[in-house]
N, C-alpha and C. Protein backbone atom coordinates (compact mmCIF):
# COMPACT_ATOMS: atom_id res chain seq x y z
N MET A 1 67.15 45.50 51.91
CA MET A 1 67.00 44.85 50.45
C MET A 1 65.23 44.74 50.13
N LYS A 2 64.96 45.92 50.64
CA LYS A 2 63.38 47.23 49.69
C LYS A 2 63.72 47.58 48.81
N LYS A 3 64.87 48.48 48.97
CA LYS A 3 66.09 48.79 47.94
C LYS A 3 65.85 48.64 46.34
N ILE A 4 66.71 47.17 46.92
CA ILE A 4 66.97 45.97 45.56
C ILE A 4 65.83 45.35 45.19
N ILE A 5 64.65 45.43 45.74
CA ILE A 5 63.42 44.66 45.10
C ILE A 5 62.72 45.82 44.00
N LEU A 6 62.77 47.37 45.07
CA LEU A 6 62.37 48.61 44.38
C LEU A 6 63.28 48.56 43.08
N PHE A 7 64.91 48.55 43.04
CA PHE A 7 65.40 48.98 42.05
C PHE A 7 65.45 47.95 40.53
N TRP A 8 64.69 46.77 41.12
CA TRP A 8 64.58 45.26 40.11
C TRP A 8 63.26 45.76 39.87
N ILE A 9 62.36 46.38 40.58
CA ILE A 9 61.06 46.68 39.76
C ILE A 9 61.09 47.81 39.12
N CYS A 10 62.47 49.13 39.51
CA CYS A 10 62.34 49.70 38.33
C CYS A 10 62.37 49.58 36.74
N LEU A 11 63.87 49.05 37.03
CA LEU A 11 64.29 48.44 35.86
C LEU A 11 63.42 46.80 35.47
N PHE A 12 62.41 46.72 35.57
CA PHE A 12 62.03 45.40 34.84
C PHE A 12 60.73 46.35 33.96
N SER A 13 59.97 47.50 34.65
CA SER A 13 59.48 47.79 34.30
C SER A 13 60.17 48.89 33.27
N VAL A 14 61.46 48.82 33.23
CA VAL A 14 62.42 49.89 31.65
C VAL A 14 61.69 48.56 30.41
N SER A 15 62.83 47.79 31.16
CA SER A 15 62.98 46.36 29.87
C SER A 15 61.40 45.74 29.34
N ALA A 16 60.15 45.78 30.33
CA ALA A 16 59.24 45.43 29.88
C ALA A 16 58.59 45.45 28.56
N ASN A 17 58.79 46.92 28.41
CA ASN A 17 58.28 47.62 26.90
C ASN A 17 59.68 47.90 25.63
N ALA A 18 60.68 46.97 26.48
CA ALA A 18 61.65 47.65 25.14
C ALA A 18 61.74 46.91 23.65
N GLY A 19 61.11 46.00 23.75
CA GLY A 19 60.84 45.11 22.68
C GLY A 19 59.44 45.94 21.64
N LEU A 20 59.02 46.56 22.33
CA LEU A 20 57.36 47.02 21.88
C LEU A 20 57.87 47.63 20.19
N ILE A 21 57.38 47.59 19.38
CA ILE A 21 57.35 48.34 18.03
C ILE A 21 55.83 48.51 17.82
N SER A 22 56.32 50.08 16.75
CA SER A 22 54.65 50.73 16.70
C SER A 22 55.07 50.78 15.18
N PHE A 23 53.42 51.16 14.63
CA PHE A 23 53.77 51.53 13.02
C PHE A 23 52.81 52.08 12.61
N ASP A 24 52.44 52.85 11.57
CA ASP A 24 51.29 53.84 11.19
C ASP A 24 51.65 52.91 9.84
N PHE A 25 50.00 53.28 9.05
CA PHE A 25 50.23 52.31 7.84
C PHE A 25 49.25 53.36 6.69
N SER A 26 49.05 53.44 5.48
CA SER A 26 47.97 54.11 4.75
C SER A 26 47.89 53.00 3.27
N GLN A 27 47.00 53.39 2.54
CA GLN A 27 46.71 52.59 1.84
C GLN A 27 45.72 53.34 0.94
N GLY A 28 46.00 54.01 0.08
CA GLY A 28 45.20 55.01 -1.21
C GLY A 28 44.81 53.92 -2.15
N GLY A 29 44.14 54.50 -2.95
CA GLY A 29 44.16 54.21 -4.78
C GLY A 29 42.14 53.52 -4.55
N PHE A 30 41.59 53.69 -3.75
CA PHE A 30 40.23 53.13 -3.36
C PHE A 30 39.24 54.12 -4.14
N ASP A 31 37.80 53.85 -4.64
CA ASP A 31 37.68 54.88 -5.51
C ASP A 31 37.04 55.92 -4.98
N GLU A 32 37.18 57.09 -5.71
CA GLU A 32 36.95 58.52 -5.39
C GLU A 32 37.72 59.26 -4.19
N GLY A 33 38.95 58.79 -4.57
CA GLY A 33 40.12 59.34 -3.55
C GLY A 33 39.92 58.55 -2.02
N ALA A 34 38.94 57.84 -1.80
CA ALA A 34 39.17 57.25 -0.01
C ALA A 34 40.33 56.54 -0.11
N PHE A 35 41.00 56.74 1.26
CA PHE A 35 42.09 56.01 1.77
C PHE A 35 41.92 55.26 3.08
N ILE A 36 42.97 54.39 3.58
CA ILE A 36 42.75 53.54 4.57
C ILE A 36 44.16 54.23 5.36
N THR A 37 43.85 54.71 6.34
CA THR A 37 44.59 55.12 7.61
C THR A 37 44.84 54.01 8.38
N GLY A 38 46.09 53.76 9.60
CA GLY A 38 45.96 53.13 11.13
C GLY A 38 46.88 53.08 11.77
N SER A 39 47.65 51.89 12.46
CA SER A 39 48.60 51.56 13.29
C SER A 39 48.04 50.28 13.74
N PHE A 40 49.61 49.56 14.17
CA PHE A 40 49.58 48.51 14.79
C PHE A 40 50.75 48.28 15.52
N SER A 41 51.08 47.62 16.51
CA SER A 41 52.18 47.52 17.60
C SER A 41 52.19 46.24 17.98
N GLY A 42 53.62 45.88 18.17
CA GLY A 42 53.59 44.39 19.26
C GLY A 42 54.95 44.10 19.36
N ASN A 43 55.25 42.67 19.57
CA ASN A 43 56.62 42.65 20.20
C ASN A 43 56.68 41.41 19.27
N ASP A 44 57.65 40.88 18.87
CA ASP A 44 58.49 39.82 17.80
C ASP A 44 58.90 39.01 19.00
N LEU A 45 57.93 38.03 19.29
CA LEU A 45 58.42 36.99 20.67
C LEU A 45 59.01 35.78 20.28
N ASP A 46 59.07 35.49 19.03
CA ASP A 46 59.10 34.69 18.66
C ASP A 46 60.62 34.48 17.60
N ASN A 47 61.03 36.03 17.34
CA ASN A 47 62.30 36.58 17.21
C ASN A 47 62.56 36.12 15.12
N ASN A 48 61.15 36.02 14.50
CA ASN A 48 61.22 35.32 13.39
C ASN A 48 61.31 36.38 12.08
N GLY A 49 61.32 38.22 12.79
CA GLY A 49 61.37 38.57 11.96
C GLY A 49 59.90 39.28 11.56
N LYS A 50 58.41 39.00 11.99
CA LYS A 50 57.09 38.84 11.99
C LYS A 50 56.57 39.74 13.00
N LEU A 51 55.51 40.66 12.70
CA LEU A 51 54.29 40.56 13.99
C LEU A 51 53.28 39.91 13.82
N SER A 52 52.87 38.97 14.06
CA SER A 52 51.71 38.30 14.11
C SER A 52 50.62 38.06 14.76
N THR A 53 49.35 38.27 14.44
CA THR A 53 48.32 38.32 15.48
C THR A 53 47.84 36.96 15.59
N PHE A 54 48.20 36.11 14.73
CA PHE A 54 48.15 34.17 15.18
C PHE A 54 49.36 33.99 15.87
N THR A 55 50.50 34.62 16.23
CA THR A 55 51.24 34.31 17.57
C THR A 55 50.66 35.25 18.22
N GLY A 56 49.91 36.44 18.74
CA GLY A 56 49.58 36.77 20.06
C GLY A 56 50.80 37.96 20.13
N GLU A 57 51.01 38.37 18.89
CA GLU A 57 52.56 39.25 19.08
C GLU A 57 51.68 40.79 18.66
N VAL A 58 50.81 40.56 18.25
CA VAL A 58 49.90 42.10 18.24
C VAL A 58 49.31 42.93 18.97
N SER A 59 49.15 43.83 19.82
CA SER A 59 48.72 43.95 20.99
C SER A 59 48.21 45.47 21.29
N HIS A 60 47.91 45.99 19.93
CA HIS A 60 46.85 47.31 19.30
C HIS A 60 47.23 46.95 17.50
N LEU A 61 45.98 47.31 17.04
CA LEU A 61 45.52 47.79 15.73
C LEU A 61 44.40 48.07 15.72
N SER A 62 44.34 49.24 14.92
CA SER A 62 43.34 50.11 14.08
C SER A 62 43.55 50.63 12.71
N VAL A 63 42.15 50.35 12.52
CA VAL A 63 41.74 50.63 10.86
C VAL A 63 40.90 51.53 11.20
N ASN A 64 40.94 52.76 9.89
CA ASN A 64 40.20 53.93 9.51
C ASN A 64 40.06 54.15 7.86
N PHE A 65 38.31 54.13 7.71
CA PHE A 65 38.59 53.92 6.12
C PHE A 65 37.72 55.48 6.48
N SER A 66 38.03 56.43 4.93
CA SER A 66 37.91 58.03 4.76
C SER A 66 36.13 57.56 4.54
N GLY A 67 35.44 56.68 3.73
CA GLY A 67 34.30 56.66 3.65
C GLY A 67 34.39 57.48 1.89
N ASN A 68 33.23 57.01 1.12
CA ASN A 68 32.69 57.32 -0.15
C ASN A 68 31.52 57.16 -0.29
N SER A 69 31.22 57.29 -1.62
CA SER A 69 30.21 57.27 -1.85
C SER A 69 29.17 55.62 -1.52
N ILE A 70 30.47 54.55 -2.04
CA ILE A 70 30.19 53.93 -2.39
C ILE A 70 29.93 53.01 -0.95
N VAL A 71 30.86 53.13 -0.38
CA VAL A 71 31.32 52.42 0.90
C VAL A 71 31.18 53.55 1.99
N GLY A 72 30.35 53.81 3.33
CA GLY A 72 30.65 54.96 4.47
C GLY A 72 31.83 54.49 5.24
N ALA A 73 32.37 55.47 5.87
CA ALA A 73 33.54 55.59 6.68
C ALA A 73 33.25 54.43 7.93
N PHE A 74 34.26 53.79 8.40
CA PHE A 74 34.15 52.68 8.91
C PHE A 74 35.58 53.07 9.82
N SER A 75 35.43 52.44 11.41
CA SER A 75 36.90 52.10 11.90
C SER A 75 36.66 51.25 12.49
N PHE A 76 37.53 50.28 12.84
CA PHE A 76 37.67 49.09 13.98
C PHE A 76 39.06 48.81 14.56
N SER A 77 39.01 48.42 15.41
CA SER A 77 40.39 48.28 16.70
C SER A 77 40.49 46.34 16.63
N ILE A 78 41.61 46.40 17.37
CA ILE A 78 41.85 45.02 17.79
C ILE A 78 40.83 44.43 18.74
N PRO A 79 39.92 44.92 19.54
CA PRO A 79 38.76 44.48 20.40
C PRO A 79 38.01 43.70 19.39
N ASP A 80 37.87 44.16 18.18
CA ASP A 80 36.74 43.98 17.18
C ASP A 80 37.79 42.62 16.12
N PHE A 81 38.38 42.57 16.09
CA PHE A 81 40.05 41.95 15.22
C PHE A 81 40.20 40.48 15.80
N SER A 82 39.57 39.61 15.71
CA SER A 82 39.32 38.10 16.06
C SER A 82 39.84 37.18 15.06
N ASN A 83 40.23 35.96 15.46
CA ASN A 83 39.97 34.87 14.36
C ASN A 83 38.57 34.36 14.21
N TYR A 84 37.58 34.32 12.80
CA TYR A 84 36.45 34.15 12.89
C TYR A 84 36.86 32.88 12.47
N THR A 85 35.46 31.26 12.81
CA THR A 85 35.97 30.09 12.60
C THR A 85 35.52 29.99 11.51
N GLY A 86 35.95 29.13 10.76
CA GLY A 86 34.34 28.64 9.24
C GLY A 86 34.83 29.75 8.14
N LEU A 87 35.63 30.89 8.02
CA LEU A 87 35.52 31.71 7.08
C LEU A 87 36.78 31.30 6.16
N PRO A 88 36.47 31.26 5.12
CA PRO A 88 37.77 30.78 3.82
C PRO A 88 38.83 31.47 4.07
N LEU A 89 39.22 32.88 4.51
CA LEU A 89 40.37 33.43 4.40
C LEU A 89 40.45 33.61 6.22
N PRO A 90 41.86 33.68 6.79
CA PRO A 90 42.25 33.81 7.84
C PRO A 90 41.79 35.55 8.12
N THR A 91 41.49 35.48 9.42
CA THR A 91 41.04 36.96 9.73
C THR A 91 41.90 37.59 10.77
N GLY A 92 43.27 37.94 10.53
CA GLY A 92 44.19 38.45 11.26
C GLY A 92 45.33 39.97 10.54
N LEU A 93 46.79 40.09 10.59
CA LEU A 93 47.49 40.69 10.43
C LEU A 93 48.56 40.01 10.79
N VAL A 94 49.72 40.25 9.46
CA VAL A 94 50.79 39.47 9.47
C VAL A 94 51.95 41.20 8.80
N TYR A 95 52.95 41.25 9.66
CA TYR A 95 53.39 42.14 8.75
C TYR A 95 55.25 41.84 8.81
N ASP A 96 55.55 41.64 8.08
CA ASP A 96 57.54 41.10 8.22
C ASP A 96 58.03 42.74 8.54
N LEU A 97 58.87 42.07 9.44
CA LEU A 97 59.89 43.59 10.09
C LEU A 97 60.84 43.84 8.91
N ASP A 98 60.88 43.66 7.68
CA ASP A 98 61.42 44.45 6.70
C ASP A 98 61.69 45.29 6.18
N GLY A 99 60.91 46.74 7.20
CA GLY A 99 61.05 47.91 6.18
C GLY A 99 59.92 48.41 4.90
N GLY A 100 59.90 47.25 4.10
CA GLY A 100 59.09 46.97 2.87
C GLY A 100 57.61 47.04 3.55
N LEU A 101 56.81 47.56 2.28
CA LEU A 101 55.33 47.25 2.50
C LEU A 101 54.61 46.46 2.87
N LEU A 102 53.61 46.82 3.62
CA LEU A 102 52.76 45.45 3.77
C LEU A 102 52.06 45.14 2.80
N GLY A 103 52.15 43.79 2.31
CA GLY A 103 51.93 42.77 1.14
C GLY A 103 52.83 42.44 0.52
N ASP A 104 54.33 42.92 0.60
CA ASP A 104 55.12 42.25 -0.80
C ASP A 104 55.50 41.27 -0.50
N ASN A 105 55.24 40.74 0.35
CA ASN A 105 56.06 39.34 0.96
C ASN A 105 54.91 38.05 1.03
N THR A 106 54.74 37.24 0.64
CA THR A 106 54.08 36.12 0.84
C THR A 106 54.70 34.47 1.11
N SER A 107 53.93 33.85 1.77
CA SER A 107 54.04 32.12 2.52
C SER A 107 52.89 31.56 2.18
N PRO A 108 53.40 29.92 1.83
CA PRO A 108 52.69 28.83 1.59
C PRO A 108 51.54 28.58 2.68
N ILE A 109 51.71 29.58 4.15
CA ILE A 109 51.15 28.48 5.09
C ILE A 109 50.45 30.14 5.12
N PRO A 110 48.90 29.71 5.55
CA PRO A 110 47.86 30.73 5.54
C PRO A 110 48.14 31.63 6.50
N THR A 111 48.12 31.24 7.73
CA THR A 111 48.64 32.35 8.37
C THR A 111 49.83 33.38 8.73
N ASP A 112 50.58 32.94 7.75
CA ASP A 112 52.16 33.42 7.84
C ASP A 112 52.19 34.56 6.33
N LEU A 113 50.90 34.71 5.33
CA LEU A 113 50.67 35.47 4.46
C LEU A 113 50.83 37.18 5.38
N GLU A 114 51.41 37.48 4.61
CA GLU A 114 51.78 39.16 5.18
C GLU A 114 50.42 40.18 4.42
N GLY A 115 49.93 40.73 5.30
CA GLY A 115 48.76 41.46 4.94
C GLY A 115 47.65 41.72 6.29
N ILE A 116 46.29 41.78 5.72
CA ILE A 116 45.28 42.24 6.77
C ILE A 116 43.93 41.55 6.35
N GLY A 117 43.48 41.20 6.90
CA GLY A 117 42.44 40.11 6.50
C GLY A 117 41.30 40.84 7.79
N ALA A 118 40.37 41.51 7.52
CA ALA A 118 39.32 41.00 9.06
C ALA A 118 37.68 41.44 8.57
N ASN A 119 37.17 41.03 8.97
CA ASN A 119 36.07 40.48 8.79
C ASN A 119 34.91 41.43 10.56
N PHE A 120 34.26 42.15 10.56
CA PHE A 120 34.00 42.77 11.32
C PHE A 120 32.57 43.26 10.89
N GLY A 121 31.50 42.97 11.67
CA GLY A 121 30.03 43.35 11.33
C GLY A 121 29.84 42.83 10.31
N SER A 122 28.90 44.03 9.02
CA SER A 122 28.91 43.29 8.15
C SER A 122 29.89 43.54 6.88
N LEU A 123 30.96 43.78 7.17
CA LEU A 123 31.82 44.56 6.12
C LEU A 123 33.50 43.67 6.39
N PHE A 124 33.79 43.93 5.14
CA PHE A 124 35.35 43.27 5.35
C PHE A 124 36.15 44.21 5.11
N TYR A 125 37.83 44.16 5.28
CA TYR A 125 38.94 44.64 4.24
C TYR A 125 39.40 43.61 4.38
N LEU A 126 40.70 43.69 3.34
CA LEU A 126 41.60 42.71 3.25
C LEU A 126 42.53 43.43 2.53
N THR A 127 43.56 43.10 2.42
CA THR A 127 45.05 43.52 1.99
C THR A 127 46.41 43.22 2.26
N GLY A 128 46.90 43.07 0.67
CA GLY A 128 47.78 42.83 0.52
C GLY A 128 48.10 41.33 -0.47
N PRO A 129 49.01 40.56 -1.06
CA PRO A 129 48.87 39.85 -1.52
C PRO A 129 48.53 38.45 -0.64
N GLY A 130 49.07 38.70 0.61
CA GLY A 130 48.99 37.56 1.57
C GLY A 130 47.43 37.17 1.90
N PRO A 131 46.75 37.97 1.92
CA PRO A 131 45.11 37.41 2.15
C PRO A 131 44.47 37.50 1.01
N LEU A 132 45.14 38.19 0.31
CA LEU A 132 44.27 37.92 -1.45
C LEU A 132 44.85 36.77 -2.35
N ARG A 133 46.00 36.14 -2.06
CA ARG A 133 46.57 35.34 -2.52
C ARG A 133 45.45 34.23 -3.07
N GLY A 134 45.33 33.62 -4.07
CA GLY A 134 44.61 32.75 -4.10
C GLY A 134 43.22 32.60 -4.01
N SER A 135 42.65 34.36 -4.06
CA SER A 135 41.43 34.52 -4.55
C SER A 135 41.14 34.99 -5.15
N PRO A 136 39.55 35.02 -5.60
CA PRO A 136 39.18 35.83 -7.02
C PRO A 136 39.65 37.61 -6.88
N PHE A 137 40.12 38.24 -5.98
CA PHE A 137 40.67 39.25 -5.67
C PHE A 137 41.93 39.87 -6.32
N ILE A 138 42.26 39.01 -6.90
CA ILE A 138 43.81 39.42 -7.64
C ILE A 138 43.25 40.08 -8.79
N PRO A 139 43.91 41.23 -9.39
CA PRO A 139 45.67 41.42 -8.84
C PRO A 139 45.39 42.55 -8.01
N ASN A 140 44.19 43.04 -7.46
CA ASN A 140 44.24 43.89 -6.56
C ASN A 140 44.90 44.00 -5.04
N ASN A 141 45.40 44.94 -4.69
CA ASN A 141 46.16 44.49 -3.60
C ASN A 141 45.41 44.76 -1.95
N GLY A 142 44.36 46.09 -2.40
CA GLY A 142 43.18 45.90 -1.34
C GLY A 142 41.85 45.78 -1.18
N VAL A 143 40.70 45.30 -0.96
CA VAL A 143 39.35 45.36 -0.69
C VAL A 143 38.01 45.45 0.39
N ILE A 144 37.49 46.16 -0.06
CA ILE A 144 36.56 46.08 1.16
C ILE A 144 35.40 45.80 0.66
N GLY A 145 34.58 45.44 1.01
CA GLY A 145 33.08 45.35 0.98
C GLY A 145 31.97 44.38 1.69
N THR A 146 31.23 43.68 1.63
CA THR A 146 30.17 43.17 2.58
C THR A 146 30.63 41.59 2.54
N PHE A 147 30.02 41.24 4.10
CA PHE A 147 29.94 40.14 4.75
C PHE A 147 29.18 39.96 5.31
N ASP A 148 27.93 38.51 4.77
CA ASP A 148 26.73 38.05 5.09
C ASP A 148 26.65 36.79 6.01
N GLY A 149 28.13 36.75 6.86
CA GLY A 149 28.07 35.40 8.05
C GLY A 149 28.60 34.58 6.93
N SER A 150 28.91 33.99 5.76
CA SER A 150 28.97 33.26 4.76
C SER A 150 29.20 33.45 3.09
N PHE A 151 28.86 34.65 3.04
CA PHE A 151 29.53 35.45 1.42
C PHE A 151 30.52 36.59 1.64
N PHE A 152 31.58 36.91 1.20
CA PHE A 152 31.98 38.00 0.22
C PHE A 152 31.57 38.41 -0.61
N ASN A 153 31.07 39.88 -0.87
CA ASN A 153 31.02 40.65 -1.87
C ASN A 153 31.43 41.66 -1.91
N PRO A 154 33.14 41.58 -2.69
CA PRO A 154 33.98 42.84 -2.91
C PRO A 154 32.85 44.24 -3.36
N VAL A 155 33.52 45.30 -3.45
CA VAL A 155 32.57 46.25 -3.57
C VAL A 155 33.39 47.21 -4.21
N ILE A 156 34.45 47.84 -3.27
CA ILE A 156 35.82 48.71 -3.90
C ILE A 156 36.81 48.09 -3.78
N PHE A 157 37.92 48.11 -5.05
CA PHE A 157 39.20 47.97 -4.81
C PHE A 157 40.20 49.08 -4.87
N SER A 158 41.87 48.88 -4.16
CA SER A 158 42.54 49.18 -4.37
C SER A 158 43.97 48.69 -5.02
N SER A 159 44.62 49.10 -6.35
CA SER A 159 45.61 48.56 -6.60
C SER A 159 47.22 48.99 -5.81
N GLU A 160 47.25 49.41 -5.24
CA GLU A 160 48.45 50.09 -4.10
C GLU A 160 48.52 49.12 -3.16
N LEU A 161 49.83 48.95 -2.93
CA LEU A 161 50.09 47.85 -1.49
C LEU A 161 50.24 48.93 -0.16
N VAL A 162 50.32 48.84 0.78
CA VAL A 162 50.18 49.39 2.21
C VAL A 162 51.82 49.92 2.16
N THR A 163 51.79 51.02 2.34
CA THR A 163 52.47 52.39 3.43
C THR A 163 53.11 51.75 4.28
N VAL A 164 53.87 51.40 4.78
CA VAL A 164 54.31 51.30 6.73
C VAL A 164 55.17 52.13 6.54
N THR A 165 55.18 52.97 8.12
CA THR A 165 55.76 53.95 8.44
C THR A 165 56.21 53.16 10.36
N PRO A 166 57.31 53.59 10.69
CA PRO A 166 57.50 52.97 11.94
C PRO A 166 57.49 54.40 12.65
N THR A 167 56.69 54.06 14.76
CA THR A 167 56.14 55.40 14.93
C THR A 167 57.42 55.35 15.99
N ALA A 168 57.68 56.53 16.39
CA ALA A 168 58.92 57.00 17.23
C ALA A 168 58.01 56.72 19.02
N VAL A 169 59.22 55.91 19.37
CA VAL A 169 59.22 55.38 20.46
C VAL A 169 59.80 55.96 21.84
N PRO A 170 59.12 56.57 22.56
CA PRO A 170 59.60 57.28 23.69
C PRO A 170 60.23 56.69 24.75
N GLU A 171 61.65 56.87 24.31
CA GLU A 171 62.58 55.82 25.08
C GLU A 171 62.80 56.60 26.23
N PRO A 172 62.92 58.25 25.95
CA PRO A 172 63.55 59.18 27.29
C PRO A 172 62.95 58.94 28.44
N ALA A 173 61.25 58.57 28.23
CA ALA A 173 60.67 58.80 29.20
C ALA A 173 61.17 57.09 30.20
N SER A 174 61.82 56.00 29.48
CA SER A 174 62.07 55.21 30.23
C SER A 174 63.01 54.87 30.49
N LEU A 175 64.02 56.18 30.26
CA LEU A 175 65.59 56.25 30.60
C LEU A 175 65.17 57.12 31.96
N THR A 176 64.28 57.78 31.78
CA THR A 176 63.93 58.76 33.13
C THR A 176 63.90 58.08 34.11
N LEU A 177 62.64 56.87 34.07
CA LEU A 177 62.45 56.12 34.85
C LEU A 177 63.13 55.10 35.63
N LEU A 178 64.43 54.53 34.64
CA LEU A 178 65.41 53.86 34.90
C LEU A 178 66.54 54.57 35.79
N GLY A 179 66.66 56.05 35.46
CA GLY A 179 67.60 57.30 36.44
C GLY A 179 66.82 57.03 37.72
N LEU A 180 65.88 57.61 37.77
CA LEU A 180 65.22 57.73 39.31
C LEU A 180 65.12 56.67 40.17
N GLY A 181 64.62 55.44 39.47
CA GLY A 181 65.03 54.24 40.41
C GLY A 181 66.36 54.06 40.90
N LEU A 182 67.66 54.47 39.89
CA LEU A 182 69.23 54.54 40.27
C LEU A 182 68.92 55.27 41.20
N VAL A 183 68.30 56.56 41.07
CA VAL A 183 68.91 58.03 42.52
C VAL A 183 68.63 57.50 43.49
N GLY A 184 67.37 56.77 43.56
CA GLY A 184 66.76 56.06 44.61
C GLY A 184 66.82 55.39 45.40
N PHE A 185 67.39 54.40 44.64
CA PHE A 185 68.60 53.10 45.08
C PHE A 185 69.87 53.85 45.91
N PHE A 186 70.78 54.66 45.34
CA PHE A 186 71.95 55.10 45.55
C PHE A 186 71.78 55.93 46.87
N ALA A 187 70.40 56.76 46.66
CA ALA A 187 70.47 57.73 48.10
C ALA A 187 69.85 56.91 49.26
N ALA A 188 69.16 56.07 49.27
CA ALA A 188 68.70 55.21 50.36
C ALA A 188 70.07 54.26 50.91
N ARG A 189 70.76 54.16 50.06
CA ARG A 189 72.06 53.05 50.17
C ARG A 189 73.13 53.92 51.34
N LYS A 190 73.50 55.37 50.20
CA LYS A 190 73.82 56.62 51.42
C LYS A 190 73.41 56.73 52.57
N LYS A 191 72.02 56.93 53.10
CA LYS A 191 71.61 57.02 53.94
C LYS A 191 72.21 56.58 54.68
N LYS A 192 71.63 54.61 54.64
CA LYS A 192 72.18 53.91 55.35
C LYS A 192 73.45 53.55 55.88
N ALA A 193 74.24 53.81 55.05
CA ALA A 193 75.85 54.26 55.40
C ALA A 193 76.13 55.23 56.48
N ALA A 194 75.42 56.45 56.40
CA ALA A 194 75.77 57.62 57.26
C ALA A 194 75.30 57.62 58.55
C-alpha cells in the first residue's frame, strides 16, 4: 500500500505543474532608448485562453525598467502587484494566449482588457490598449508616470506594443521524477514477490 501511495505522490508532483506556462516580455520605444523587460507565468485555470491576475491565474510577474534621465530604473514583482481599490484603472495583468503581442486584443470588460496596469509606490506603469483604452494616454501603447495616490501624471510614453516570447519549460526534470517513481514502485514490487 505504501508503494502505491508513493507512486501517486510522484505522479501528482509531475502533473501539478503540467499546466504552468511562462513568458518573457519586452517593450521599447521609451525616451532615450529606455525599455521594459520582464516575465510572467501562470496556469489558465478556467481554460478561457487567457492568463489573468484578476482570476488568480498569474503566479509570477516581474517588470524591470532600464531607466533614463526622466524616470530612474525600477523593478517590481508580484508581491508588489495587487489590486488597489478606488483607482480609475484596474491594476493587474491579462494576456491572451494567442501567441500575439500583449495589448493586441481588447474587451468591454475592464478586468479582461489585455495589458498590464500597475501602481507601486509613487510610480505607475500601463501598457497595451487594454488598460489604456478610453484613457487620455491613447494612442500610446505604454506609459510610465508618477502617482500620488489619487492622480496619475504621465511622464514618458512608448508607441510600441509588448513583445511576448514563451519561456522553455524544463520538462525532462518532470519526466525524470516520474521515471524514478515508477522504478522505485516496480523495484519494491519485485522485492516483495521474491
